[in-house]
C-alpha atoms as a PDB file:
ATOM      1  CA  MET A   1      -1.383   9.270  12.200  1.00  0.00           C
ATOM      2  CA  ALA A   2      -3.393   6.838  14.224  1.00  0.00           C
ATOM      3  CA  GLY A   3      -3.489   3.342  12.873  1.00  0.00           C
ATOM      4  CA  GLU A   4      -0.102   3.571  11.187  1.00  0.00           C
ATOM      5  CA  LYS A   5       2.434   0.909  12.058  1.00  0.00           C
ATOM      6  CA  ILE A   6       6.191   0.846  11.647  1.00  0.00           C
ATOM      7  CA  LEU A   7       7.686  -1.711   9.267  1.00  0.00           C
ATOM      8  CA  THR A   8      11.403  -2.350   9.080  1.00  0.00           C
ATOM      9  CA  LEU A   9      12.889  -3.882   5.962  1.00  0.00           C
ATOM     10  CA  ARG A  10      16.271  -4.541   4.425  1.00  0.00           C
ATOM     11  CA  LEU A  11      17.228  -3.097   1.057  1.00  0.00           C
ATOM     12  CA  GLU A  12      20.339  -3.753  -0.954  1.00  0.00           C
ATOM     13  CA  GLY A  13      22.616  -0.722  -0.987  1.00  0.00           C
ATOM     14  CA  GLY A  14      22.036   0.122  -4.639  1.00  0.00           C
ATOM     15  CA  LEU A  15      18.293   0.139  -4.232  1.00  0.00           C
ATOM     16  CA  ARG A  16      18.445   2.309  -1.144  1.00  0.00           C
ATOM     17  CA  GLY A  17      20.628   4.771  -3.017  1.00  0.00           C
ATOM     18  CA  LYS A  18      18.149   4.929  -5.888  1.00  0.00           C
ATOM     19  CA  LEU A  19      15.299   5.386  -3.424  1.00  0.00           C
ATOM     20  CA  ASP A  20      17.199   8.244  -1.764  1.00  0.00           C
ATOM     21  CA  LYS A  21      17.736   9.952  -5.133  1.00  0.00           C
ATOM     22  CA  LEU A  22      14.074   9.546  -6.038  1.00  0.00           C
ATOM     23  CA  ALA A  23      13.009  10.885  -2.663  1.00  0.00           C
ATOM     24  CA  ALA A  24      15.198  13.957  -3.114  1.00  0.00           C
ATOM     25  CA  ALA A  25      14.004  14.527  -6.681  1.00  0.00           C
ATOM     26  CA  THR A  26      10.334  14.264  -5.731  1.00  0.00           C
ATOM     27  CA  ARG A  27      10.713  16.003  -2.356  1.00  0.00           C
ATOM     28  CA  ARG A  28       9.154  12.997  -0.662  1.00  0.00           C
ATOM     29  CA  SER A  29      10.495  10.864   2.145  1.00  0.00           C
ATOM     30  CA  ARG A  30      11.839   7.363   1.647  1.00  0.00           C
ATOM     31  CA  SER A  31       9.036   6.191   3.897  1.00  0.00           C
ATOM     32  CA  PHE A  32       6.373   7.858   1.743  1.00  0.00           C
ATOM     33  CA  LEU A  33       7.763   6.346  -1.462  1.00  0.00           C
ATOM     34  CA  ALA A  34       8.155   2.893   0.071  1.00  0.00           C
ATOM     35  CA  ALA A  35       4.597   2.957   1.455  1.00  0.00           C
ATOM     36  CA  GLU A  36       3.267   4.105  -1.939  1.00  0.00           C
ATOM     37  CA  ALA A  37       5.142   1.306  -3.731  1.00  0.00           C
ATOM     38  CA  ILE A  38       3.846  -1.297  -1.283  1.00  0.00           C
ATOM     39  CA  ARG A  39       0.258   0.018  -1.617  1.00  0.00           C
ATOM     40  CA  GLU A  40       0.432  -0.275  -5.418  1.00  0.00           C
ATOM     41  CA  TYR A  41       2.025  -3.736  -5.244  1.00  0.00           C
ATOM     42  CA  VAL A  42      -0.605  -5.025  -2.819  1.00  0.00           C
ATOM     43  CA  ALA A  43      -3.460  -3.533  -4.864  1.00  0.00           C
ATOM     44  CA  LEU A  44      -2.207  -5.061  -8.127  1.00  0.00           C
ATOM     45  CA  ASN A  45      -1.503  -8.477  -6.688  1.00  0.00           C
ATOM     46  CA  SER A  46      -4.767  -8.548  -4.730  1.00  0.00           C
ATOM     47  CA  TRP A  47      -6.641  -7.778  -7.957  1.00  0.00           C
ATOM     48  CA  GLN A  48      -4.791 -10.513  -9.833  1.00  0.00           C
ATOM     49  CA  ILE A  49      -5.467 -13.101  -7.124  1.00  0.00           C
ATOM     50  CA  GLU A  50      -9.152 -12.130  -7.053  1.00  0.00           C
ATOM     51  CA  GLU A  51      -9.415 -12.515 -10.834  1.00  0.00           C
ATOM     52  CA  ILE A  52      -7.696 -15.909 -10.672  1.00  0.00           C
ATOM     53  CA  HIS A  53     -10.181 -17.061  -8.036  1.00  0.00           C
ATOM     54  CA  LYS A  54     -13.085 -15.817 -10.188  1.00  0.00           C
ATOM     55  CA  GLY A  55     -11.690 -17.718 -13.180  1.00  0.00           C
ATOM     56  CA  LEU A  56     -11.282 -20.898 -11.160  1.00  0.00           C
ATOM     57  CA  ALA A  57     -14.853 -20.605  -9.886  1.00  0.00           C
ATOM     58  CA  GLU A  58     -16.098 -20.167 -13.470  1.00  0.00           C
ATOM     59  CA  ALA A  59     -14.122 -23.229 -14.559  1.00  0.00           C
ATOM     60  CA  GLU A  60     -15.520 -25.271 -11.684  1.00  0.00           C
ATOM     61  CA  ARG A  61     -19.013 -24.292 -12.852  1.00  0.00           C
ATOM     62  CA  GLY A  62     -18.095 -25.375 -16.373  1.00  0.00           C
ATOM     63  CA  GLU A  63     -18.282 -21.867 -17.780  1.00  0.00           C
ATOM     64  CA  PHE A  64     -15.807 -22.067 -20.633  1.00  0.00           C
ATOM     65  CA  ALA A  65     -15.566 -20.164 -23.893  1.00  0.00           C
ATOM     66  CA  SER A  66     -16.808 -22.062 -26.926  1.00  0.00           C
ATOM     67  CA  GLU A  67     -14.381 -23.078 -29.641  1.00  0.00           C
ATOM     68  CA  SER A  68     -15.782 -20.404 -31.965  1.00  0.00           C
ATOM     69  CA  GLU A  69     -15.340 -17.698 -29.287  1.00  0.00           C
ATOM     70  CA  VAL A  70     -11.717 -18.721 -28.760  1.00  0.00           C
ATOM     71  CA  LYS A  71     -11.056 -18.704 -32.516  1.00  0.00           C
ATOM     72  CA  ARG A  72     -12.668 -15.278 -32.890  1.00  0.00           C
ATOM     73  CA  VAL A  73     -10.490 -13.766 -30.149  1.00  0.00           C
ATOM     74  CA  ALA A  74      -7.359 -15.502 -31.460  1.00  0.00           C
ATOM     75  CA  LYS A  75      -8.048 -14.162 -34.953  1.00  0.00           C
ATOM     76  CA  LYS A  76      -8.534 -10.670 -33.598  1.00  0.00           C
ATOM     77  CA  TRP A  77      -5.205 -10.705 -31.764  1.00  0.00           C
ATOM     78  CA  THR A  78      -3.183 -12.453 -34.476  1.00  0.00           C
ATOM     79  CA  ARG A  79      -4.470  -9.952 -37.019  1.00  0.00           C
ATOM     80  CA  ARG A  80      -3.203  -7.087 -34.808  1.00  0.00           C
ATOM     81  CA  ALA A  81       0.202  -8.722 -34.404  1.00  0.00           C
ATOM     82  CA  HIS A  82       1.025  -8.466 -38.116  1.00  0.00           C
END
């Protein structure tokens, strides 16, 4: 397990209890479940930040959707909402 580091964190009692129950039900350790949750959180948020940066770069280059493109997408989604 080279390269792994220890991280200590505080959890409210209720959350720790739920984590313990989940660990028992899945036959996984608390540590495994916590690491998995953190991996997923970091991956999702990293992706979102990257997409935001891409969007900002597009805006800085003046790459915006035309009015007709915006209307077409809005019509598509409002039609589905009914």
